[in-house]
Amino acid sequence: KDASNPINDTRVAVFWENRPYIFTLRPSGAETISMQDAKVSAQMVTITTQNPQLDSLNLKIWLSNDFRRVPLRFAIGKYQADLISDKVIAPAK
């Protein structure tokens, strides 16, 4: 797929602050990111919202390039959060 082609976008209807918006998720090409001293292949997805306040935060999420498409990182404004483990923990009995 051509990441610069809008036909690859995914659009999602979201109700935010008493108004519907169409969020557009635009994938980029594969890249290597550093997480916990390891190099990981990921795909960045940029999110635009039609809301100037939200769009000014430059929303992004990085998904793993494997079949699971695990969210590895997200960025909102100057803040960033990374996944530290994808281990499944069984609930306490």
N, C-alpha and C. Protein backbone atom coordinates (compact mmCIF):
# COMPACT_ATOMS: atom_id res chain seq x y z
N LYS A 1 0.82 -1.19 0.00
CA LYS A 1 0.00 0.00 0.00
C LYS A 1 0.87 1.25 0.00
N ASP A 2 0.34 2.29 -0.56
CA ASP A 2 1.02 3.59 -0.59
C ASP A 2 0.51 4.42 0.59
N ALA A 3 1.35 4.62 1.62
CA ALA A 3 0.93 5.33 2.84
C ALA A 3 0.53 6.77 2.58
N SER A 4 0.96 7.36 1.48
CA SER A 4 0.60 8.75 1.19
C SER A 4 -0.75 8.84 0.46
N ASN A 5 -1.30 7.70 0.10
CA ASN A 5 -2.56 7.67 -0.63
C ASN A 5 -3.74 7.67 0.34
N PRO A 6 -4.64 8.65 0.26
CA PRO A 6 -5.78 8.73 1.19
C PRO A 6 -6.70 7.52 1.15
N ILE A 7 -6.63 6.72 0.09
CA ILE A 7 -7.49 5.54 0.04
C ILE A 7 -7.10 4.53 1.12
N ASN A 8 -5.89 4.64 1.67
CA ASN A 8 -5.44 3.76 2.74
C ASN A 8 -5.90 4.23 4.11
N ASP A 9 -6.50 5.41 4.19
CA ASP A 9 -6.97 5.94 5.46
C ASP A 9 -8.14 5.12 5.99
N THR A 10 -8.29 5.15 7.30
CA THR A 10 -9.46 4.60 7.95
C THR A 10 -10.17 5.76 8.63
N ARG A 11 -11.46 5.82 8.46
CA ARG A 11 -12.23 6.90 9.08
C ARG A 11 -13.18 6.30 10.11
N VAL A 12 -13.26 6.97 11.27
CA VAL A 12 -14.07 6.49 12.38
C VAL A 12 -14.94 7.64 12.88
N ALA A 13 -16.22 7.40 13.04
CA ALA A 13 -17.11 8.42 13.60
C ALA A 13 -16.99 8.39 15.13
N VAL A 14 -16.74 9.57 15.72
CA VAL A 14 -16.55 9.69 17.16
C VAL A 14 -17.42 10.84 17.67
N PHE A 15 -18.14 10.59 18.75
CA PHE A 15 -18.92 11.66 19.37
C PHE A 15 -18.06 12.26 20.47
N TRP A 16 -17.72 13.56 20.34
CA TRP A 16 -16.80 14.23 21.26
C TRP A 16 -17.38 15.59 21.62
N GLU A 17 -17.51 15.85 22.91
CA GLU A 17 -18.03 17.13 23.42
C GLU A 17 -19.31 17.56 22.69
N ASN A 18 -20.31 16.71 22.74
CA ASN A 18 -21.64 17.00 22.19
C ASN A 18 -21.68 17.19 20.68
N ARG A 19 -20.69 16.64 19.97
CA ARG A 19 -20.67 16.82 18.52
C ARG A 19 -20.00 15.61 17.86
N PRO A 20 -20.52 15.15 16.74
CA PRO A 20 -19.85 14.06 16.03
C PRO A 20 -18.67 14.59 15.20
N TYR A 21 -17.62 13.80 15.14
CA TYR A 21 -16.44 14.10 14.33
C TYR A 21 -16.08 12.86 13.54
N ILE A 22 -15.39 13.06 12.44
CA ILE A 22 -14.81 11.95 11.70
C ILE A 22 -13.31 11.97 11.97
N PHE A 23 -12.82 10.96 12.70
CA PHE A 23 -11.39 10.82 12.95
C PHE A 23 -10.80 10.07 11.77
N THR A 24 -9.69 10.57 11.23
CA THR A 24 -9.01 9.93 10.12
C THR A 24 -7.70 9.35 10.63
N LEU A 25 -7.51 8.06 10.41
CA LEU A 25 -6.28 7.37 10.81
C LEU A 25 -5.47 7.12 9.54
N ARG A 26 -4.30 7.74 9.46
CA ARG A 26 -3.47 7.64 8.25
C ARG A 26 -2.17 6.89 8.60
N PRO A 27 -1.98 5.69 8.03
CA PRO A 27 -0.77 4.92 8.31
C PRO A 27 0.43 5.44 7.54
N SER A 28 1.58 5.29 8.16
CA SER A 28 2.87 5.58 7.51
C SER A 28 3.54 4.26 7.19
N GLY A 29 4.68 4.33 6.56
CA GLY A 29 5.45 3.13 6.28
C GLY A 29 6.07 2.56 7.54
N ALA A 30 6.59 1.35 7.43
CA ALA A 30 7.24 0.71 8.57
C ALA A 30 8.49 1.49 8.97
N GLU A 31 8.74 1.53 10.28
CA GLU A 31 9.94 2.16 10.79
C GLU A 31 10.42 1.36 12.00
N THR A 32 11.64 1.60 12.41
CA THR A 32 12.19 0.95 13.59
C THR A 32 12.21 1.95 14.73
N ILE A 33 11.60 1.56 15.85
CA ILE A 33 11.60 2.43 17.03
C ILE A 33 12.36 1.74 18.15
N SER A 34 12.89 2.53 19.08
CA SER A 34 13.61 2.00 20.24
C SER A 34 12.66 1.96 21.43
N MET A 35 12.59 0.77 22.02
CA MET A 35 11.76 0.59 23.21
C MET A 35 12.52 -0.30 24.20
N GLN A 36 12.72 0.19 25.40
CA GLN A 36 13.40 -0.58 26.44
C GLN A 36 14.69 -1.20 25.93
N ASP A 37 15.53 -0.40 25.32
CA ASP A 37 16.82 -0.83 24.81
C ASP A 37 16.73 -1.88 23.70
N ALA A 38 15.58 -1.98 23.03
CA ALA A 38 15.42 -2.91 21.92
C ALA A 38 14.90 -2.15 20.71
N LYS A 39 15.24 -2.65 19.54
CA LYS A 39 14.74 -2.09 18.29
C LYS A 39 13.51 -2.90 17.87
N VAL A 40 12.42 -2.20 17.55
CA VAL A 40 11.16 -2.87 17.22
C VAL A 40 10.61 -2.28 15.93
N SER A 41 10.13 -3.13 15.05
CA SER A 41 9.50 -2.68 13.81
C SER A 41 8.06 -2.26 14.11
N ALA A 42 7.70 -1.05 13.68
CA ALA A 42 6.38 -0.52 13.98
C ALA A 42 5.87 0.33 12.83
N GLN A 43 4.57 0.57 12.84
CA GLN A 43 3.94 1.44 11.85
C GLN A 43 3.26 2.57 12.60
N MET A 44 3.62 3.80 12.26
CA MET A 44 3.00 4.95 12.88
C MET A 44 1.69 5.27 12.18
N VAL A 45 0.68 5.59 12.97
CA VAL A 45 -0.62 6.01 12.45
C VAL A 45 -0.89 7.40 13.01
N THR A 46 -1.09 8.35 12.12
CA THR A 46 -1.40 9.72 12.52
C THR A 46 -2.91 9.87 12.55
N ILE A 47 -3.42 10.57 13.58
CA ILE A 47 -4.86 10.74 13.75
C ILE A 47 -5.22 12.21 13.61
N THR A 48 -6.13 12.50 12.68
CA THR A 48 -6.68 13.85 12.57
C THR A 48 -8.17 13.77 12.89
N THR A 49 -8.71 14.87 13.43
CA THR A 49 -10.04 14.79 14.04
C THR A 49 -11.06 15.81 13.55
N GLN A 50 -10.67 16.78 12.78
CA GLN A 50 -11.52 17.91 12.39
C GLN A 50 -11.80 18.84 13.57
N ASN A 51 -11.13 18.61 14.70
CA ASN A 51 -11.25 19.47 15.87
C ASN A 51 -9.91 20.16 16.05
N PRO A 52 -9.83 21.49 15.84
CA PRO A 52 -8.53 22.18 15.91
C PRO A 52 -7.81 21.99 17.24
N GLN A 53 -8.55 21.93 18.33
CA GLN A 53 -7.93 21.75 19.65
C GLN A 53 -7.25 20.38 19.74
N LEU A 54 -7.93 19.33 19.30
CA LEU A 54 -7.33 17.99 19.32
C LEU A 54 -6.22 17.86 18.28
N ASP A 55 -6.45 18.38 17.09
CA ASP A 55 -5.44 18.27 16.03
C ASP A 55 -4.14 18.98 16.39
N SER A 56 -4.21 20.02 17.20
CA SER A 56 -3.00 20.73 17.62
C SER A 56 -2.11 19.85 18.50
N LEU A 57 -2.67 18.77 19.05
CA LEU A 57 -1.90 17.85 19.89
C LEU A 57 -1.11 16.83 19.08
N ASN A 58 -1.34 16.79 17.76
CA ASN A 58 -0.57 15.91 16.87
C ASN A 58 -0.64 14.45 17.35
N LEU A 59 -1.83 13.89 17.40
CA LEU A 59 -2.06 12.54 17.92
C LEU A 59 -1.42 11.49 17.01
N LYS A 60 -0.68 10.54 17.63
CA LYS A 60 -0.03 9.46 16.88
C LYS A 60 -0.04 8.19 17.72
N ILE A 61 -0.09 7.06 17.01
CA ILE A 61 0.03 5.76 17.66
C ILE A 61 0.93 4.89 16.79
N TRP A 62 1.76 4.06 17.43
CA TRP A 62 2.63 3.13 16.72
C TRP A 62 2.13 1.72 17.01
N LEU A 63 1.90 0.96 15.94
CA LEU A 63 1.43 -0.43 16.05
C LEU A 63 2.54 -1.37 15.62
N SER A 64 2.60 -2.53 16.28
CA SER A 64 3.60 -3.52 15.88
C SER A 64 3.32 -3.98 14.46
N ASN A 65 4.35 -4.39 13.76
CA ASN A 65 4.20 -4.83 12.37
C ASN A 65 3.91 -6.31 12.24
N ASP A 66 3.66 -6.98 13.35
CA ASP A 66 3.32 -8.40 13.27
C ASP A 66 1.80 -8.56 13.14
N PHE A 67 1.33 -9.78 13.10
CA PHE A 67 -0.10 -10.05 12.89
C PHE A 67 -0.97 -9.54 14.03
N ARG A 68 -0.39 -9.31 15.22
CA ARG A 68 -1.18 -8.86 16.37
C ARG A 68 -1.50 -7.38 16.35
N ARG A 69 -0.67 -6.57 15.68
CA ARG A 69 -0.87 -5.12 15.59
C ARG A 69 -1.02 -4.48 16.98
N VAL A 70 -0.14 -4.86 17.89
CA VAL A 70 -0.17 -4.37 19.27
C VAL A 70 0.19 -2.88 19.31
N PRO A 71 -0.59 -2.07 20.04
CA PRO A 71 -0.21 -0.66 20.20
C PRO A 71 1.04 -0.58 21.08
N LEU A 72 2.14 -0.10 20.49
CA LEU A 72 3.42 -0.05 21.20
C LEU A 72 3.69 1.30 21.85
N ARG A 73 3.18 2.35 21.23
CA ARG A 73 3.48 3.70 21.70
C ARG A 73 2.35 4.63 21.25
N PHE A 74 2.06 5.63 22.08
CA PHE A 74 1.20 6.70 21.59
C PHE A 74 1.76 8.02 22.05
N ALA A 75 1.49 9.06 21.28
CA ALA A 75 1.98 10.40 21.58
C ALA A 75 0.82 11.38 21.47
N ILE A 76 0.71 12.23 22.47
CA ILE A 76 -0.30 13.29 22.51
C ILE A 76 0.42 14.55 22.95
N GLY A 77 0.53 15.50 22.02
CA GLY A 77 1.27 16.72 22.35
C GLY A 77 2.70 16.39 22.69
N LYS A 78 3.18 16.91 23.82
CA LYS A 78 4.56 16.65 24.22
C LYS A 78 4.71 15.38 25.05
N TYR A 79 3.61 14.64 25.24
CA TYR A 79 3.64 13.43 26.05
C TYR A 79 3.69 12.19 25.17
N GLN A 80 4.40 11.17 25.69
CA GLN A 80 4.54 9.90 24.98
C GLN A 80 4.46 8.78 26.00
N ALA A 81 3.79 7.70 25.64
CA ALA A 81 3.70 6.52 26.50
C ALA A 81 4.08 5.30 25.67
N ASP A 82 4.89 4.43 26.26
CA ASP A 82 5.32 3.20 25.60
C ASP A 82 4.78 1.99 26.35
N LEU A 83 4.44 0.96 25.60
CA LEU A 83 4.04 -0.32 26.19
C LEU A 83 5.26 -0.91 26.89
N ILE A 84 5.09 -1.34 28.12
CA ILE A 84 6.23 -1.93 28.82
C ILE A 84 6.16 -3.45 28.85
N SER A 85 4.97 -4.01 28.61
CA SER A 85 4.83 -5.47 28.56
C SER A 85 3.52 -5.83 27.87
N ASP A 86 3.55 -6.90 27.09
CA ASP A 86 2.30 -7.39 26.51
C ASP A 86 1.97 -8.76 27.09
N LYS A 87 2.58 -9.06 28.24
CA LYS A 87 2.34 -10.31 28.93
C LYS A 87 0.92 -10.30 29.50
N VAL A 88 0.20 -11.40 29.31
CA VAL A 88 -1.15 -11.52 29.84
C VAL A 88 -1.04 -12.01 31.28
N ILE A 89 -1.65 -11.27 32.18
CA ILE A 89 -1.63 -11.63 33.60
C ILE A 89 -3.01 -12.17 33.97
N ALA A 90 -3.04 -13.39 34.48
CA ALA A 90 -4.30 -14.02 34.85
C ALA A 90 -4.91 -13.29 36.04
N PRO A 91 -6.22 -13.15 36.07
CA PRO A 91 -6.87 -12.49 37.22
C PRO A 91 -6.68 -13.29 38.49
N ALA A 92 -6.64 -12.58 39.62
CA ALA A 92 -6.49 -13.25 40.92
C ALA A 92 -7.76 -14.05 41.23
N LYS A 93 -7.58 -15.14 41.89
CA LYS A 93 -8.74 -16.00 42.24
C LYS A 93 -9.31 -15.62 43.58
